[in-house]
N, C-alpha and C. Protein backbone atom coordinates (compact mmCIF):
# COMPACT_ATOMS: atom_id res chain seq x y z
N MET A 1 -44.53 85.15 45.74
CA MET A 1 -43.19 85.62 45.44
C MET A 1 -42.50 85.94 46.77
N ASP A 2 -41.29 85.44 46.90
CA ASP A 2 -40.53 85.78 48.10
C ASP A 2 -39.35 86.67 47.73
N ILE A 3 -38.66 87.18 48.73
CA ILE A 3 -37.57 88.12 48.50
C ILE A 3 -36.44 87.47 47.71
N ASN A 4 -36.20 86.18 47.91
CA ASN A 4 -35.18 85.46 47.16
C ASN A 4 -35.51 85.46 45.67
N GLN A 5 -36.75 85.16 45.33
CA GLN A 5 -37.15 85.14 43.92
C GLN A 5 -37.04 86.53 43.30
N LEU A 6 -37.41 87.55 44.04
CA LEU A 6 -37.32 88.92 43.54
C LEU A 6 -35.87 89.31 43.31
N GLU A 7 -35.00 88.95 44.23
CA GLU A 7 -33.57 89.24 44.09
C GLU A 7 -33.00 88.56 42.85
N VAL A 8 -33.38 87.30 42.64
CA VAL A 8 -32.91 86.55 41.48
C VAL A 8 -33.47 87.16 40.19
N LEU A 9 -34.75 87.49 40.18
CA LEU A 9 -35.37 88.11 39.01
C LEU A 9 -34.64 89.39 38.61
N ILE A 10 -34.35 90.24 39.57
CA ILE A 10 -33.65 91.50 39.29
C ILE A 10 -32.25 91.23 38.76
N ALA A 11 -31.55 90.27 39.36
CA ALA A 11 -30.19 89.95 38.92
C ALA A 11 -30.17 89.42 37.49
N VAL A 12 -31.10 88.53 37.15
CA VAL A 12 -31.15 87.98 35.79
C VAL A 12 -31.47 89.09 34.79
N ALA A 13 -32.41 89.95 35.13
CA ALA A 13 -32.76 91.06 34.23
C ALA A 13 -31.57 92.00 34.05
N ARG A 14 -30.87 92.29 35.13
CA ARG A 14 -29.73 93.21 35.08
C ARG A 14 -28.57 92.60 34.29
N GLU A 15 -28.26 91.35 34.56
CA GLU A 15 -27.11 90.70 33.93
C GLU A 15 -27.41 90.14 32.54
N LYS A 16 -28.71 89.97 32.23
CA LYS A 16 -29.14 89.39 30.95
C LYS A 16 -28.56 88.00 30.72
N SER A 17 -28.33 87.29 31.83
CA SER A 17 -27.76 85.95 31.77
C SER A 17 -28.01 85.25 33.09
N PHE A 18 -28.49 84.02 33.01
CA PHE A 18 -28.70 83.24 34.23
C PHE A 18 -27.35 82.95 34.90
N SER A 19 -26.34 82.62 34.10
CA SER A 19 -25.03 82.29 34.66
C SER A 19 -24.37 83.49 35.32
N ARG A 20 -24.41 84.64 34.66
CA ARG A 20 -23.82 85.85 35.26
C ARG A 20 -24.59 86.29 36.48
N ALA A 21 -25.91 86.13 36.46
CA ALA A 21 -26.72 86.47 37.63
C ALA A 21 -26.33 85.57 38.80
N ALA A 22 -26.17 84.29 38.53
CA ALA A 22 -25.77 83.35 39.59
C ALA A 22 -24.43 83.76 40.18
N GLU A 23 -23.49 84.09 39.32
CA GLU A 23 -22.17 84.51 39.79
C GLU A 23 -22.26 85.77 40.65
N SER A 24 -23.05 86.74 40.20
CA SER A 24 -23.17 87.99 40.95
C SER A 24 -23.85 87.79 42.31
N LEU A 25 -24.70 86.78 42.40
CA LEU A 25 -25.41 86.48 43.64
C LEU A 25 -24.67 85.48 44.53
N GLY A 26 -23.61 84.88 44.00
CA GLY A 26 -22.90 83.86 44.75
C GLY A 26 -23.68 82.57 44.86
N ARG A 27 -24.45 82.27 43.83
CA ARG A 27 -25.27 81.05 43.80
C ARG A 27 -24.92 80.25 42.57
N THR A 28 -25.45 79.04 42.51
CA THR A 28 -25.23 78.22 41.32
C THR A 28 -26.26 78.58 40.25
N GLN A 29 -25.92 78.30 39.00
CA GLN A 29 -26.85 78.57 37.91
C GLN A 29 -28.13 77.74 38.06
N PRO A 30 -28.04 76.45 38.45
CA PRO A 30 -29.28 75.70 38.66
C PRO A 30 -30.18 76.30 39.75
N ALA A 31 -29.59 76.87 40.79
CA ALA A 31 -30.40 77.49 41.85
C ALA A 31 -31.13 78.72 41.32
N VAL A 32 -30.46 79.49 40.47
CA VAL A 32 -31.09 80.66 39.87
C VAL A 32 -32.22 80.22 38.94
N SER A 33 -31.96 79.22 38.12
CA SER A 33 -32.99 78.71 37.21
C SER A 33 -34.20 78.20 37.97
N GLN A 34 -33.96 77.50 39.07
CA GLN A 34 -35.06 76.97 39.87
C GLN A 34 -35.89 78.09 40.49
N ALA A 35 -35.23 79.13 40.98
CA ALA A 35 -35.96 80.26 41.57
C ALA A 35 -36.85 80.94 40.53
N ILE A 36 -36.32 81.12 39.32
CA ILE A 36 -37.10 81.75 38.25
C ILE A 36 -38.24 80.83 37.83
N ARG A 37 -37.97 79.54 37.73
CA ARG A 37 -39.01 78.58 37.34
C ARG A 37 -40.16 78.58 38.35
N ARG A 38 -39.84 78.61 39.64
CA ARG A 38 -40.89 78.65 40.66
C ARG A 38 -41.70 79.94 40.57
N LEU A 39 -41.02 81.05 40.33
CA LEU A 39 -41.72 82.33 40.19
C LEU A 39 -42.64 82.30 38.97
N GLU A 40 -42.15 81.78 37.86
CA GLU A 40 -42.97 81.67 36.66
C GLU A 40 -44.21 80.80 36.91
N GLN A 41 -44.04 79.72 37.65
CA GLN A 41 -45.18 78.85 37.96
C GLN A 41 -46.19 79.58 38.84
N GLU A 42 -45.70 80.37 39.79
CA GLU A 42 -46.59 81.11 40.68
C GLU A 42 -47.44 82.13 39.93
N ILE A 43 -46.81 82.84 38.98
CA ILE A 43 -47.55 83.90 38.29
C ILE A 43 -48.19 83.42 37.00
N GLY A 44 -47.81 82.22 36.54
CA GLY A 44 -48.42 81.65 35.35
C GLY A 44 -47.96 82.27 34.05
N GLU A 45 -46.77 82.84 34.06
CA GLU A 45 -46.20 83.47 32.86
C GLU A 45 -44.71 83.17 32.76
N LYS A 46 -44.22 83.06 31.53
CA LYS A 46 -42.78 82.95 31.32
C LYS A 46 -42.19 84.36 31.40
N LEU A 47 -41.09 84.49 32.12
CA LEU A 47 -40.47 85.80 32.31
C LEU A 47 -39.29 86.03 31.39
N PHE A 48 -38.63 84.95 30.97
CA PHE A 48 -37.43 85.08 30.14
C PHE A 48 -37.49 84.09 28.99
N ASP A 49 -36.96 84.52 27.85
CA ASP A 49 -36.85 83.66 26.68
C ASP A 49 -35.56 82.85 26.81
N ARG A 50 -35.69 81.56 27.02
CA ARG A 50 -34.52 80.71 27.19
C ARG A 50 -34.03 80.11 25.87
N SER A 51 -34.64 80.48 24.77
CA SER A 51 -34.27 79.89 23.48
C SER A 51 -33.04 80.53 22.86
N SER A 52 -32.56 81.62 23.45
CA SER A 52 -31.38 82.29 22.91
C SER A 52 -30.42 82.63 24.04
N LYS A 53 -29.19 82.93 23.68
CA LYS A 53 -28.18 83.30 24.67
C LYS A 53 -28.42 84.71 25.19
N ASP A 54 -29.28 85.48 24.55
CA ASP A 54 -29.53 86.86 24.95
C ASP A 54 -30.49 86.96 26.12
N GLY A 55 -31.07 85.84 26.57
CA GLY A 55 -31.99 85.86 27.71
C GLY A 55 -33.33 86.25 27.27
């Protein structure tokens, strides 16, 4: 886990939205999704439920 992934993780949890987290961080939504995906692969667990709009 690097500081970028931790920053993105906190933003997504706080905003409860990948898109709003991206906006708050000044990044694109795909960049946020990729950071979370890499973190999930590193730890071997899904961190967010992507099946609903509620995160």
